[in-house]
Amino acid sequence: MEIDIILQKLAKPAQRAIQNAGITTIEQISEYSEKEFLELHGIGKNAMSIIKLALDENGLSFSDKDNKK
C-alpha cells in the first residue's frame, strides 16, 4: 500500500523522516521494530500513534525483532 495517505496525516518532520529513510509503502514500515522506527529523527509519539493505527487497519504491525533472543 502506498504511504501517501499516511504521510498526509503526519507532521512535516515525521513525513521527512519517512521519506529520508526511503520508505514508500506501509509494508516497509512493518519491517521496522518500534524502537528502530522511533530512532528516526522526526518520529515522535503522535506519529507513532497514527502509524500504529494505519498498520493495524492494514493487518500489519511493527516487527518484534527487538524482542527475539
N, C-alpha and C. Protein backbone atom coordinates (compact mmCIF):
# COMPACT_ATOMS: atom_id res chain seq x y z
N MET A 1 0.84 -1.17 0.00
CA MET A 1 0.00 0.00 0.00
C MET A 1 0.89 1.24 0.00
N GLU A 2 0.57 2.17 -0.85
CA GLU A 2 1.32 3.42 -0.91
C GLU A 2 1.15 4.18 0.40
N ILE A 3 2.14 4.94 0.74
CA ILE A 3 2.17 5.59 2.03
C ILE A 3 1.66 7.03 2.01
N ASP A 4 1.29 7.54 0.85
CA ASP A 4 0.89 8.94 0.71
C ASP A 4 -0.25 9.33 1.65
N ILE A 5 -1.23 8.47 1.82
CA ILE A 5 -2.37 8.77 2.69
C ILE A 5 -1.92 8.94 4.14
N ILE A 6 -1.02 8.08 4.57
CA ILE A 6 -0.50 8.19 5.94
C ILE A 6 0.33 9.46 6.10
N LEU A 7 1.16 9.76 5.12
CA LEU A 7 2.00 10.94 5.19
C LEU A 7 1.18 12.21 5.38
N GLN A 8 0.02 12.28 4.75
CA GLN A 8 -0.84 13.47 4.86
C GLN A 8 -1.31 13.69 6.29
N LYS A 9 -1.37 12.64 7.09
CA LYS A 9 -1.84 12.74 8.47
C LYS A 9 -0.73 13.10 9.45
N LEU A 10 0.52 13.06 8.98
CA LEU A 10 1.66 13.28 9.85
C LEU A 10 2.21 14.69 9.74
N ALA A 11 2.87 15.15 10.81
CA ALA A 11 3.55 16.44 10.79
C ALA A 11 4.74 16.37 9.83
N LYS A 12 5.18 17.52 9.38
CA LYS A 12 6.27 17.60 8.40
C LYS A 12 7.54 16.87 8.85
N PRO A 13 7.98 17.00 10.10
CA PRO A 13 9.20 16.27 10.49
C PRO A 13 9.07 14.75 10.33
N ALA A 14 7.91 14.22 10.67
CA ALA A 14 7.68 12.78 10.52
C ALA A 14 7.62 12.40 9.05
N GLN A 15 7.00 13.24 8.24
CA GLN A 15 6.96 12.98 6.80
C GLN A 15 8.37 12.90 6.23
N ARG A 16 9.20 13.87 6.61
CA ARG A 16 10.58 13.89 6.12
C ARG A 16 11.37 12.68 6.60
N ALA A 17 11.15 12.28 7.85
CA ALA A 17 11.86 11.12 8.40
C ALA A 17 11.56 9.86 7.59
N ILE A 18 10.30 9.68 7.25
CA ILE A 18 9.90 8.51 6.47
C ILE A 18 10.46 8.58 5.05
N GLN A 19 10.36 9.74 4.44
CA GLN A 19 10.87 9.90 3.08
C GLN A 19 12.39 9.74 3.04
N ASN A 20 13.10 10.31 4.03
CA ASN A 20 14.56 10.20 4.07
C ASN A 20 15.03 8.78 4.31
N ALA A 21 14.20 7.97 4.96
CA ALA A 21 14.52 6.55 5.18
C ALA A 21 14.23 5.71 3.93
N GLY A 22 13.65 6.33 2.91
CA GLY A 22 13.35 5.61 1.67
C GLY A 22 12.12 4.72 1.76
N ILE A 23 11.28 4.97 2.73
CA ILE A 23 10.07 4.15 2.93
C ILE A 23 8.99 4.66 1.98
N THR A 24 8.45 3.75 1.17
CA THR A 24 7.43 4.13 0.20
C THR A 24 6.12 3.36 0.37
N THR A 25 6.14 2.32 1.21
CA THR A 25 4.91 1.54 1.44
C THR A 25 4.76 1.27 2.93
N ILE A 26 3.52 1.02 3.35
CA ILE A 26 3.26 0.71 4.75
C ILE A 26 3.89 -0.64 5.13
N GLU A 27 4.02 -1.52 4.16
CA GLU A 27 4.65 -2.81 4.42
C GLU A 27 6.11 -2.63 4.85
N GLN A 28 6.77 -1.63 4.28
CA GLN A 28 8.16 -1.37 4.66
C GLN A 28 8.25 -0.90 6.11
N ILE A 29 7.26 -0.15 6.57
CA ILE A 29 7.25 0.28 7.97
C ILE A 29 7.18 -0.94 8.87
N SER A 30 6.40 -1.94 8.49
CA SER A 30 6.23 -3.13 9.33
C SER A 30 7.52 -3.95 9.46
N GLU A 31 8.52 -3.64 8.67
CA GLU A 31 9.81 -4.33 8.77
C GLU A 31 10.67 -3.75 9.89
N TYR A 32 10.28 -2.58 10.39
CA TYR A 32 11.00 -1.93 11.50
C TYR A 32 10.41 -2.37 12.82
N SER A 33 11.25 -2.42 13.86
CA SER A 33 10.72 -2.57 15.21
C SER A 33 10.28 -1.18 15.66
N GLU A 34 9.47 -1.12 16.70
CA GLU A 34 9.05 0.19 17.21
C GLU A 34 10.26 1.01 17.63
N LYS A 35 11.21 0.36 18.28
CA LYS A 35 12.42 1.05 18.74
C LYS A 35 13.19 1.66 17.57
N GLU A 36 13.37 0.87 16.51
CA GLU A 36 14.09 1.36 15.33
C GLU A 36 13.36 2.54 14.70
N PHE A 37 12.04 2.43 14.62
CA PHE A 37 11.27 3.48 13.97
C PHE A 37 11.31 4.77 14.77
N LEU A 38 11.25 4.65 16.09
CA LEU A 38 11.33 5.83 16.96
C LEU A 38 12.69 6.52 16.87
N GLU A 39 13.70 5.78 16.46
CA GLU A 39 15.04 6.35 16.33
C GLU A 39 15.18 7.25 15.10
N LEU A 40 14.21 7.16 14.17
CA LEU A 40 14.24 8.05 13.02
C LEU A 40 14.00 9.47 13.49
N HIS A 41 14.87 10.38 13.12
CA HIS A 41 14.74 11.77 13.55
C HIS A 41 13.45 12.37 12.95
N GLY A 42 12.56 12.82 13.83
CA GLY A 42 11.30 13.39 13.38
C GLY A 42 10.10 12.54 13.74
N ILE A 43 10.34 11.32 14.20
CA ILE A 43 9.24 10.43 14.60
C ILE A 43 9.05 10.56 16.11
N GLY A 44 7.84 10.92 16.50
CA GLY A 44 7.53 11.07 17.92
C GLY A 44 6.28 10.30 18.29
N LYS A 45 5.76 10.60 19.47
CA LYS A 45 4.59 9.87 19.98
C LYS A 45 3.37 10.03 19.09
N ASN A 46 3.11 11.24 18.61
CA ASN A 46 1.93 11.47 17.77
C ASN A 46 2.05 10.68 16.46
N ALA A 47 3.21 10.73 15.84
CA ALA A 47 3.42 9.99 14.59
C ALA A 47 3.27 8.49 14.83
N MET A 48 3.81 8.02 15.96
CA MET A 48 3.72 6.58 16.24
C MET A 48 2.28 6.14 16.40
N SER A 49 1.45 6.94 17.05
CA SER A 49 0.06 6.52 17.23
C SER A 49 -0.67 6.47 15.89
N ILE A 50 -0.39 7.42 15.01
CA ILE A 50 -1.01 7.42 13.68
C ILE A 50 -0.53 6.22 12.87
N ILE A 51 0.76 5.95 12.93
CA ILE A 51 1.33 4.84 12.16
C ILE A 51 0.86 3.49 12.70
N LYS A 52 0.81 3.35 14.01
CA LYS A 52 0.31 2.08 14.59
C LYS A 52 -1.13 1.81 14.15
N LEU A 53 -1.96 2.85 14.14
CA LEU A 53 -3.34 2.70 13.70
C LEU A 53 -3.40 2.28 12.24
N ALA A 54 -2.59 2.92 11.40
CA ALA A 54 -2.57 2.58 9.98
C ALA A 54 -2.08 1.15 9.76
N LEU A 55 -1.06 0.73 10.51
CA LEU A 55 -0.59 -0.65 10.40
C LEU A 55 -1.70 -1.62 10.78
N ASP A 56 -2.36 -1.34 11.90
CA ASP A 56 -3.44 -2.20 12.38
C ASP A 56 -4.57 -2.30 11.37
N GLU A 57 -4.94 -1.17 10.78
CA GLU A 57 -6.02 -1.16 9.79
C GLU A 57 -5.68 -1.97 8.55
N ASN A 58 -4.38 -2.20 8.33
CA ASN A 58 -3.94 -2.97 7.17
C ASN A 58 -3.46 -4.35 7.55
N GLY A 59 -3.77 -4.78 8.77
CA GLY A 59 -3.40 -6.13 9.22
C GLY A 59 -1.91 -6.30 9.42
N LEU A 60 -1.22 -5.21 9.72
CA LEU A 60 0.22 -5.24 9.91
C LEU A 60 0.58 -4.75 11.30
N SER A 61 1.83 -4.95 11.68
CA SER A 61 2.34 -4.41 12.95
C SER A 61 3.84 -4.22 12.81
N PHE A 62 4.42 -3.55 13.78
CA PHE A 62 5.86 -3.41 13.78
C PHE A 62 6.49 -4.78 13.99
N SER A 63 7.71 -4.94 13.49
CA SER A 63 8.47 -6.16 13.69
C SER A 63 8.76 -6.34 15.18
N ASP A 64 8.87 -7.58 15.62
CA ASP A 64 9.21 -7.83 17.02
C ASP A 64 10.66 -8.28 17.15
N LYS A 65 11.49 -7.92 16.16
CA LYS A 65 12.87 -8.41 16.16
C LYS A 65 13.67 -7.95 17.36
N ASP A 66 13.29 -6.83 18.01
CA ASP A 66 13.99 -6.41 19.22
C ASP A 66 13.68 -7.33 20.39
N ASN A 67 12.56 -8.04 20.31
CA ASN A 67 12.15 -8.89 21.43
C ASN A 67 12.61 -10.34 21.26
N LYS A 68 13.25 -10.65 20.15
CA LYS A 68 13.73 -12.02 19.93
C LYS A 68 15.08 -12.21 20.60
N LYS A 69 15.28 -13.39 21.14
CA LYS A 69 16.56 -13.69 21.81
C LYS A 69 17.33 -14.71 21.02
